[in-house]
Amino acid sequence: METFKPMDIRKAVSVKPLPLDFVFGSLKAGSIAGIVAPGATGKSIFALQILSAVSSGYDTTGVLKTKNIGKCIYISGEDTPDVLNQRLYALAQNQPEHATELFIENAQIIPTSGSVINILDSSWQDFLISHATGCRLMIIDTLRRFFTGDENDSGVMTRVVQALEHVAVQTGCAILFLHHTSKAALTAGSGEQGASRGSSAITDNIRWQANLAVMSEPEAEKRGVANEDRKSFVKFTVSKSNYGAPIEAWLRRSEGGILTPAVVPEKATKKSDRKENRDVGC
């Protein structure tokens, strides 16, 4: 059985603590986080953009404020090297050369497509620990590819998050996994905490969650975006943030699928419409 060291409460209440260390935004170092999105939303390319931002300090999205760069690792359980090559080339076209050089120096990408990985197995936990050691961020794409249990079982999913926490505690590395939305959330276009597929234990047990969602038809109508263009716009929402304020921003797909900052104001209401609304309310 493990032994645990009690905190020194006297020291805690009398010595001003150091500021929390954030990898980017409000994602704290050594914590577990998730990005939840439907398939084909752009979460994998967005994950590569996060990898580049943390390893180089250059943010192509406008939503990934990074203070301290460092080593990062991306483990891709879905995409093969040829697909990753396409995305990396597109990413490099959207950032300056010095940022790409830092990205090359500090980032590592490991494709594992075709392998059966189970992080509930101690040998796979050791694998993750060995690669997370010395890193500020590890990205796992996607969570479903890294365990073999039932994702609707709250006990299983709690143990999965605990296994990731074990890796994070041992290494000090933040771990960010990608995960799909539920069918209900997909239909609703939800960017809420509960949008993740499977047990709610996934979201309940992590400290930070962001959602990506393609612009819905009502959103497009409200913002004056043509229906044929709306899928080019993706909403980024930090739906759970234990150490900072939630945020929301619009991104737009550029060449190669890269997500870049977008300004999508609401359509101005016509004066005649406003007068009509006032008359109805009388």
Protein backbone atom coordinates (compact mmCIF):
# COMPACT_ATOMS: atom_id res chain seq x y z
CA MET A 1 0.00 0.00 0.00
CA GLU A 2 1.21 3.48 -0.84
CA THR A 3 2.09 5.94 1.90
CA PHE A 4 1.17 9.60 1.61
CA LYS A 5 2.95 12.63 3.06
CA PRO A 6 0.67 15.10 4.90
CA MET A 7 0.81 18.75 3.88
CA ASP A 8 2.57 21.28 6.07
CA ILE A 9 -0.47 23.45 6.85
CA ARG A 10 1.53 25.99 8.87
CA LYS A 11 3.81 26.61 5.89
CA ALA A 12 0.84 26.73 3.51
CA VAL A 13 -0.94 29.46 5.47
CA SER A 14 2.13 31.55 6.23
CA VAL A 15 4.25 31.47 3.05
CA LYS A 16 2.89 33.08 -0.12
CA PRO A 17 2.73 30.35 -2.79
CA LEU A 18 4.24 30.61 -6.25
CA PRO A 19 1.77 31.33 -9.08
CA LEU A 20 0.22 28.29 -10.73
CA ASP A 21 2.08 27.07 -13.81
CA PHE A 22 -0.17 27.08 -16.88
CA VAL A 23 0.82 25.24 -20.07
CA PHE A 24 -1.52 27.43 -22.13
CA GLY A 25 -4.57 29.44 -21.20
CA SER A 26 -5.98 27.98 -17.96
CA LEU A 27 -4.63 24.43 -18.50
CA LYS A 28 -2.43 23.78 -15.47
CA ALA A 29 0.81 21.83 -15.73
CA GLY A 30 0.49 18.29 -14.41
CA SER A 31 -3.29 18.16 -14.85
CA ILE A 32 -5.63 16.14 -17.10
CA ALA A 33 -7.67 17.84 -19.82
CA GLY A 34 -9.83 16.96 -22.79
CA ILE A 35 -10.97 18.41 -26.11
CA VAL A 36 -14.39 17.13 -27.13
CA ALA A 37 -15.64 17.43 -30.70
CA PRO A 38 -17.54 15.54 -33.42
CA GLY A 39 -15.59 13.71 -36.09
CA ALA A 40 -14.25 15.84 -38.96
CA THR A 41 -14.47 19.05 -36.91
CA GLY A 42 -10.72 19.64 -37.01
CA LYS A 43 -9.72 18.49 -33.52
CA SER A 44 -6.64 16.59 -34.70
CA ILE A 45 -5.23 19.53 -36.67
CA PHE A 46 -6.15 21.77 -33.73
CA ALA A 47 -4.18 19.43 -31.47
CA LEU A 48 -1.13 19.83 -33.71
CA GLN A 49 -1.57 23.60 -33.50
CA ILE A 50 -1.59 23.29 -29.69
CA LEU A 51 1.56 21.16 -29.91
CA SER A 52 3.25 23.87 -31.97
CA ALA A 53 2.07 26.71 -29.70
CA VAL A 54 3.43 25.07 -26.54
CA SER A 55 6.70 23.94 -28.14
CA SER A 56 7.41 27.19 -30.03
CA GLY A 57 5.40 29.93 -28.33
CA TYR A 58 3.72 30.86 -31.64
CA ASP A 59 -0.07 30.56 -31.63
CA THR A 60 -1.82 30.18 -34.99
CA THR A 61 -5.29 30.02 -33.39
CA GLY A 62 -5.43 33.17 -31.25
CA VAL A 63 -6.78 31.23 -28.23
CA LEU A 64 -3.66 29.48 -26.92
CA LYS A 65 -1.78 31.98 -24.75
CA THR A 66 1.52 30.35 -23.77
CA LYS A 67 4.08 31.85 -21.37
CA ASN A 68 6.71 29.11 -21.10
CA ILE A 69 7.58 26.88 -24.05
CA GLY A 70 8.94 23.38 -23.59
CA LYS A 71 9.12 19.82 -24.84
CA CYS A 72 5.84 18.29 -26.01
CA ILE A 73 4.69 14.95 -27.36
CA TYR A 74 1.71 13.97 -29.52
CA ILE A 75 0.68 10.31 -29.68
CA SER A 76 -1.61 9.70 -32.65
CA GLY A 77 -3.71 6.56 -32.36
CA GLU A 78 -5.82 7.31 -35.45
CA ASP A 79 -3.78 8.95 -38.20
CA THR A 80 -0.98 7.39 -40.21
CA PRO A 81 2.31 9.20 -40.99
CA ASP A 82 1.24 10.22 -44.51
CA VAL A 83 -1.84 12.02 -43.14
CA LEU A 84 0.21 13.67 -40.39
CA ASN A 85 2.74 14.83 -43.01
CA GLN A 86 -0.03 16.68 -44.86
CA ARG A 87 -1.12 18.48 -41.68
CA LEU A 88 2.38 19.35 -40.55
CA TYR A 89 3.21 20.88 -43.92
CA ALA A 90 0.02 22.98 -43.82
CA LEU A 91 0.85 24.10 -40.28
CA ALA A 92 4.33 25.22 -41.30
CA GLN A 93 2.84 27.42 -44.04
CA ASN A 94 0.92 29.35 -41.38
CA GLN A 95 3.74 30.27 -39.01
CA PRO A 96 7.14 31.97 -39.27
CA GLU A 97 10.26 29.92 -39.87
CA HIS A 98 11.70 30.52 -36.39
CA ALA A 99 8.51 29.07 -34.83
CA THR A 100 8.72 25.99 -37.06
CA GLU A 101 12.37 25.47 -36.05
CA LEU A 102 11.43 25.58 -32.35
CA PHE A 103 8.53 23.23 -33.09
CA ILE A 104 10.92 20.77 -34.75
CA GLU A 105 13.34 21.03 -31.83
CA ASN A 106 10.84 20.67 -28.98
CA ALA A 107 8.02 18.48 -30.32
CA GLN A 108 7.82 14.74 -30.86
CA ILE A 109 5.06 12.92 -32.76
CA ILE A 110 4.52 9.17 -32.42
CA PRO A 111 1.96 7.44 -34.70
CA THR A 112 0.53 4.28 -33.05
CA SER A 113 -2.29 3.51 -35.49
CA GLY A 114 -2.90 -0.23 -35.71
CA SER A 115 -1.64 -0.97 -32.18
CA VAL A 116 -3.83 -2.07 -29.28
CA ILE A 117 -3.01 0.18 -26.33
CA ASN A 118 -4.54 -0.13 -22.87
CA ILE A 119 -3.45 2.48 -20.35
CA LEU A 120 -5.07 0.46 -17.57
CA ASP A 121 -2.16 -1.94 -18.06
CA SER A 122 0.87 -0.88 -15.99
CA SER A 123 3.26 -1.57 -18.87
CA TRP A 124 1.43 0.99 -21.03
CA GLN A 125 1.44 3.46 -18.14
CA ASP A 126 5.22 3.00 -18.01
CA PHE A 127 5.33 3.67 -21.76
CA LEU A 128 3.49 6.97 -21.29
CA ILE A 129 5.62 7.93 -18.28
CA SER A 130 8.83 7.33 -20.23
CA HIS A 131 7.66 9.63 -23.03
CA ALA A 132 6.05 12.28 -20.80
CA THR A 133 9.13 12.70 -18.63
CA GLY A 134 10.69 16.10 -19.32
CA CYS A 135 7.64 17.32 -21.29
CA ARG A 136 5.20 20.12 -20.52
CA LEU A 137 2.40 18.57 -22.56
CA MET A 138 1.36 15.16 -23.87
CA ILE A 139 -1.53 14.96 -26.36
CA ILE A 140 -3.41 11.67 -26.81
CA ASP A 141 -5.46 11.31 -30.01
CA THR A 142 -8.03 9.88 -29.34
CA LEU A 143 -8.89 8.64 -25.84
CA ARG A 144 -10.92 5.70 -27.19
CA ARG A 145 -7.76 4.32 -28.86
CA PHE A 146 -5.92 4.08 -25.53
CA PHE A 147 -8.08 1.72 -23.48
CA THR A 148 -10.11 -1.43 -24.11
CA GLY A 149 -13.00 -1.09 -21.62
CA ASP A 150 -16.56 0.20 -21.93
CA GLU A 151 -16.56 3.99 -22.17
CA ASN A 152 -20.11 4.07 -20.77
CA ASP A 153 -18.96 2.42 -17.53
CA SER A 154 -18.26 5.15 -14.96
CA GLY A 155 -15.95 2.85 -12.98
CA VAL A 156 -13.85 2.07 -16.05
CA MET A 157 -13.63 5.70 -17.13
CA THR A 158 -12.71 6.87 -13.63
CA ARG A 159 -9.85 4.37 -13.65
CA VAL A 160 -8.78 5.57 -17.11
CA VAL A 161 -8.54 9.17 -15.86
CA GLN A 162 -6.76 7.95 -12.71
CA ALA A 163 -4.21 6.14 -14.92
CA LEU A 164 -3.57 9.39 -16.79
CA GLU A 165 -3.30 11.24 -13.46
CA HIS A 166 -0.68 8.73 -12.37
CA VAL A 167 1.38 9.60 -15.44
CA ALA A 168 0.89 13.33 -14.86
CA VAL A 169 1.84 13.16 -11.17
CA GLN A 170 4.94 11.09 -11.89
CA THR A 171 6.17 13.46 -14.61
CA GLY A 172 4.61 16.90 -14.01
CA CYS A 173 3.41 16.78 -17.62
CA ALA A 174 -0.11 17.98 -18.50
CA ILE A 175 -2.05 15.37 -20.46
CA LEU A 176 -4.61 16.48 -23.03
CA PHE A 177 -6.76 13.83 -24.71
CA LEU A 178 -9.10 14.18 -27.68
CA HIS A 179 -12.55 12.65 -27.44
CA HIS A 180 -15.74 12.49 -29.49
CA THR A 181 -19.11 14.01 -28.66
CA SER A 182 -22.21 11.94 -27.95
CA LYS A 183 -24.87 11.52 -30.65
CA ALA A 184 -27.26 13.73 -28.67
CA ALA A 185 -24.69 16.51 -28.37
CA LEU A 186 -23.84 16.15 -32.06
CA THR A 187 -27.48 16.69 -33.01
CA ALA A 188 -27.77 19.68 -30.69
CA GLY A 189 -24.43 21.18 -31.72
CA SER A 190 -23.58 21.39 -28.02
CA GLY A 191 -20.48 23.02 -26.61
CA GLU A 192 -21.39 22.15 -23.04
CA GLN A 193 -19.44 20.12 -20.48
CA GLY A 194 -21.74 17.12 -20.89
CA ALA A 195 -21.18 16.84 -24.65
CA SER A 196 -18.57 14.07 -24.37
CA ARG A 197 -19.45 10.56 -25.48
CA GLY A 198 -19.66 7.85 -22.83
CA SER A 199 -19.77 8.17 -19.05
CA SER A 200 -19.96 11.59 -17.42
CA ALA A 201 -17.04 10.41 -15.26
CA ILE A 202 -14.77 11.52 -18.13
CA THR A 203 -15.65 15.19 -17.72
CA ASP A 204 -16.26 14.97 -13.97
CA ASN A 205 -12.73 13.76 -13.26
CA ILE A 206 -10.70 16.13 -15.42
CA ARG A 207 -9.79 19.74 -14.63
CA TRP A 208 -10.15 21.41 -18.05
CA GLN A 209 -12.30 20.74 -21.08
CA ALA A 210 -12.71 22.52 -24.39
CA ASN A 211 -15.28 21.82 -27.08
CA LEU A 212 -15.11 22.34 -30.83
CA ALA A 213 -18.33 22.57 -32.85
CA VAL A 214 -19.07 23.51 -36.45
CA MET A 215 -21.34 26.55 -36.80
CA SER A 216 -24.96 25.46 -36.67
CA GLU A 217 -27.65 26.62 -39.12
CA PRO A 218 -29.32 28.90 -36.50
CA GLU A 219 -25.91 30.43 -35.65
CA ALA A 220 -25.24 31.01 -39.36
CA GLU A 221 -28.60 32.71 -39.78
CA LYS A 222 -28.03 34.90 -36.71
CA ARG A 223 -24.57 35.95 -37.93
CA GLY A 224 -25.35 36.42 -41.60
CA VAL A 225 -23.18 33.51 -42.78
CA ALA A 226 -24.31 31.66 -45.90
CA ASN A 227 -25.34 28.07 -45.18
CA GLU A 228 -22.79 26.73 -47.66
CA ASP A 229 -20.02 28.58 -45.76
CA ARG A 230 -21.00 27.79 -42.17
CA LYS A 231 -18.98 24.56 -41.93
CA SER A 232 -15.84 26.63 -42.44
CA PHE A 233 -16.46 28.19 -39.02
CA VAL A 234 -15.73 26.33 -35.77
CA LYS A 235 -16.60 27.51 -32.28
CA PHE A 236 -13.95 26.94 -29.59
CA THR A 237 -15.43 26.86 -26.09
CA VAL A 238 -13.63 26.20 -22.81
CA SER A 239 -16.59 24.56 -21.08
CA LYS A 240 -14.78 23.51 -17.89
CA SER A 241 -11.90 25.37 -16.30
CA ASN A 242 -11.07 24.72 -12.65
CA TYR A 243 -8.22 27.25 -12.62
CA GLY A 244 -9.48 30.09 -14.79
CA ALA A 245 -12.43 31.66 -16.56
CA PRO A 246 -14.18 29.87 -19.45
CA ILE A 247 -13.70 31.44 -22.88
CA GLU A 248 -15.38 31.25 -26.27
CA ALA A 249 -14.03 32.16 -29.71
CA TRP A 250 -14.70 31.57 -33.38
CA LEU A 251 -12.12 29.96 -35.66
CA ARG A 252 -12.12 29.51 -39.42
CA ARG A 253 -10.64 26.73 -41.53
CA SER A 254 -7.89 27.97 -43.80
CA GLU A 255 -5.93 26.05 -46.43
CA GLY A 256 -4.92 22.59 -45.21
CA GLY A 257 -7.61 22.65 -42.51
CA ILE A 258 -5.64 24.95 -40.19
CA LEU A 259 -7.94 26.76 -37.73
CA THR A 260 -7.26 30.50 -37.61
CA PRO A 261 -8.92 33.39 -35.70
CA ALA A 262 -12.26 34.58 -37.08
CA VAL A 263 -14.49 37.54 -36.31
CA VAL A 264 -18.14 36.54 -36.75
CA PRO A 265 -20.35 39.38 -35.48
CA GLU A 266 -24.08 39.00 -35.09
CA LYS A 267 -26.16 40.45 -37.89
CA ALA A 268 -27.28 44.01 -37.20
CA THR A 269 -31.02 44.21 -36.59
CA LYS A 270 -32.87 46.44 -39.04
CA LYS A 271 -34.55 49.53 -37.59
CA SER A 272 -37.85 48.39 -39.07
CA ASP A 273 -37.48 45.04 -37.29
CA ARG A 274 -36.74 46.77 -33.97
CA LYS A 275 -39.81 49.04 -34.39
CA GLU A 276 -41.97 46.04 -35.23
CA ASN A 277 -40.73 44.24 -32.11
CA ARG A 278 -41.55 47.27 -29.97
CA ASP A 279 -45.06 47.45 -31.47
CA VAL A 280 -45.67 43.76 -30.72
CA GLY A 281 -44.66 44.26 -27.12
CA CYS A 282 -47.12 47.17 -26.58
